[in-house]
Amino acid sequence: MRNKVLVEITVPEIDQTYNAFLPINKKVGNILVLITKAISDMSNNNYQVSTTNALYNRITGEKYNTDDLIRETNIRNGTKLVLL
């Protein structure tokens, strides 16, 4: 799958980690909306969706701009992200 990357997303608020395929041609903001809704559903609404949620690189601490396409960031296969 050359048009998607496999990442690990950690959600400290509910102490869970998820693996997800992210399409590289979508904006980080669009992906963020989908991820937060999915995690909320999978956690039986223990995770609260908020307009202030953001994705961070777990290694570097870099916050990803919501207007950037995934392919324009340093997100690659195996990247570890944190959802705050």
C-alpha atoms as a PDB file:
ATOM      1  CA  MET A   1       0.000   0.000   0.000  1.00  0.00           C
ATOM      2  CA  ARG A   2       1.999   2.887  -1.291  1.00  0.00           C
ATOM      3  CA  ASN A   3      -0.691   5.457  -0.583  1.00  0.00           C
ATOM      4  CA  LYS A   4      -0.969   4.765   3.148  1.00  0.00           C
ATOM      5  CA  VAL A   5       1.380   4.680   6.125  1.00  0.00           C
ATOM      6  CA  LEU A   6       1.063   2.475   9.210  1.00  0.00           C
ATOM      7  CA  VAL A   7       1.470   4.452  12.432  1.00  0.00           C
ATOM      8  CA  GLU A   8       1.121   3.821  16.152  1.00  0.00           C
ATOM      9  CA  ILE A   9      -1.130   6.294  17.972  1.00  0.00           C
ATOM     10  CA  THR A  10      -0.914   6.578  21.749  1.00  0.00           C
ATOM     11  CA  VAL A  11      -3.773   8.210  23.656  1.00  0.00           C
ATOM     12  CA  PRO A  12      -2.487   9.006  27.180  1.00  0.00           C
ATOM     13  CA  GLU A  13      -5.899  10.205  28.369  1.00  0.00           C
ATOM     14  CA  ILE A  14      -7.289   6.653  28.220  1.00  0.00           C
ATOM     15  CA  ASP A  15      -3.929   4.838  28.409  1.00  0.00           C
ATOM     16  CA  GLN A  16      -4.401   3.045  25.067  1.00  0.00           C
ATOM     17  CA  THR A  17      -2.357   2.553  21.908  1.00  0.00           C
ATOM     18  CA  TYR A  18      -3.775   1.942  18.437  1.00  0.00           C
ATOM     19  CA  ASN A  19      -2.296   1.079  15.048  1.00  0.00           C
ATOM     20  CA  ALA A  20      -3.778   2.845  12.035  1.00  0.00           C
ATOM     21  CA  PHE A  21      -3.232   3.212   8.318  1.00  0.00           C
ATOM     22  CA  LEU A  22      -3.269   6.892   7.322  1.00  0.00           C
ATOM     23  CA  PRO A  23      -3.795   7.955   3.697  1.00  0.00           C
ATOM     24  CA  ILE A  24      -0.922  10.185   2.590  1.00  0.00           C
ATOM     25  CA  ASN A  25      -3.098  12.410   0.382  1.00  0.00           C
ATOM     26  CA  LYS A  26      -5.306  13.692   3.234  1.00  0.00           C
ATOM     27  CA  LYS A  27      -4.742  16.671   5.509  1.00  0.00           C
ATOM     28  CA  VAL A  28      -3.686  16.080   9.097  1.00  0.00           C
ATOM     29  CA  GLY A  29      -6.812  17.946  10.267  1.00  0.00           C
ATOM     30  CA  ASN A  30      -9.139  15.595   8.367  1.00  0.00           C
ATOM     31  CA  ILE A  31      -7.294  12.564   9.689  1.00  0.00           C
ATOM     32  CA  LEU A  32      -7.446  13.987  13.212  1.00  0.00           C
ATOM     33  CA  VAL A  33     -11.243  14.252  13.064  1.00  0.00           C
ATOM     34  CA  LEU A  34     -11.585  10.657  11.866  1.00  0.00           C
ATOM     35  CA  ILE A  35      -9.104   9.306  14.424  1.00  0.00           C
ATOM     36  CA  THR A  36     -10.722  11.066  17.381  1.00  0.00           C
ATOM     37  CA  LYS A  37     -14.198   9.817  16.421  1.00  0.00           C
ATOM     38  CA  ALA A  38     -12.942   6.264  15.926  1.00  0.00           C
ATOM     39  CA  ILE A  39     -11.068   6.223  19.237  1.00  0.00           C
ATOM     40  CA  SER A  40     -14.091   7.630  21.039  1.00  0.00           C
ATOM     41  CA  ASP A  41     -16.244   4.845  19.582  1.00  0.00           C
ATOM     42  CA  MET A  42     -13.697   2.087  20.316  1.00  0.00           C
ATOM     43  CA  SER A  43     -13.285   3.253  23.921  1.00  0.00           C
ATOM     44  CA  ASN A  44     -17.051   3.354  24.613  1.00  0.00           C
ATOM     45  CA  ASN A  45     -16.917   7.163  24.741  1.00  0.00           C
ATOM     46  CA  ASN A  46     -14.209   7.217  27.440  1.00  0.00           C
ATOM     47  CA  TYR A  47     -12.235   9.514  25.140  1.00  0.00           C
ATOM     48  CA  GLN A  48     -13.852  12.906  24.650  1.00  0.00           C
ATOM     49  CA  VAL A  49     -13.623  14.499  21.204  1.00  0.00           C
ATOM     50  CA  SER A  50     -12.462  18.113  21.400  1.00  0.00           C
ATOM     51  CA  THR A  51     -11.645  20.892  18.967  1.00  0.00           C
ATOM     52  CA  THR A  52      -8.254  21.275  20.654  1.00  0.00           C
ATOM     53  CA  ASN A  53      -7.068  17.726  19.920  1.00  0.00           C
ATOM     54  CA  ALA A  54      -3.716  17.574  18.148  1.00  0.00           C
ATOM     55  CA  LEU A  55      -1.252  14.991  16.847  1.00  0.00           C
ATOM     56  CA  TYR A  56       2.334  15.041  18.081  1.00  0.00           C
ATOM     57  CA  ASN A  57       5.391  13.011  17.162  1.00  0.00           C
ATOM     58  CA  ARG A  58       6.168  10.899  20.244  1.00  0.00           C
ATOM     59  CA  ILE A  59       9.936  10.971  19.628  1.00  0.00           C
ATOM     60  CA  THR A  60      10.538  14.615  18.655  1.00  0.00           C
ATOM     61  CA  GLY A  61       7.520  16.286  20.287  1.00  0.00           C
ATOM     62  CA  GLU A  62       6.692  18.054  17.018  1.00  0.00           C
ATOM     63  CA  LYS A  63       3.066  19.189  16.697  1.00  0.00           C
ATOM     64  CA  TYR A  64       1.622  18.548  13.242  1.00  0.00           C
ATOM     65  CA  ASN A  65      -0.092  21.405  11.429  1.00  0.00           C
ATOM     66  CA  THR A  66      -3.698  20.547  10.557  1.00  0.00           C
ATOM     67  CA  ASP A  67      -3.367  22.071   7.072  1.00  0.00           C
ATOM     68  CA  ASP A  68      -0.434  19.872   5.970  1.00  0.00           C
ATOM     69  CA  LEU A  69      -0.915  16.741   3.901  1.00  0.00           C
ATOM     70  CA  ILE A  70       0.409  13.592   5.587  1.00  0.00           C
ATOM     71  CA  ARG A  71       2.943  13.162   2.748  1.00  0.00           C
ATOM     72  CA  GLU A  72       4.310  16.695   3.458  1.00  0.00           C
ATOM     73  CA  THR A  73       5.151  15.771   7.053  1.00  0.00           C
ATOM     74  CA  ASN A  74       7.748  13.396   8.477  1.00  0.00           C
ATOM     75  CA  ILE A  75       5.043  10.782   9.184  1.00  0.00           C
ATOM     76  CA  ARG A  76       6.195   7.488   7.663  1.00  0.00           C
ATOM     77  CA  ASN A  77       5.610   3.780   8.290  1.00  0.00           C
ATOM     78  CA  GLY A  78       6.336   3.043  11.931  1.00  0.00           C
ATOM     79  CA  THR A  79       6.000   6.639  13.157  1.00  0.00           C
ATOM     80  CA  LYS A  80       4.824   6.862  16.759  1.00  0.00           C
ATOM     81  CA  LEU A  81       2.237   9.564  17.344  1.00  0.00           C
ATOM     82  CA  VAL A  82       0.525  10.932  20.447  1.00  0.00           C
ATOM     83  CA  LEU A  83      -3.039  12.227  20.408  1.00  0.00           C
ATOM     84  CA  LEU A  84      -3.618  14.984  22.957  1.00  0.00           C
END
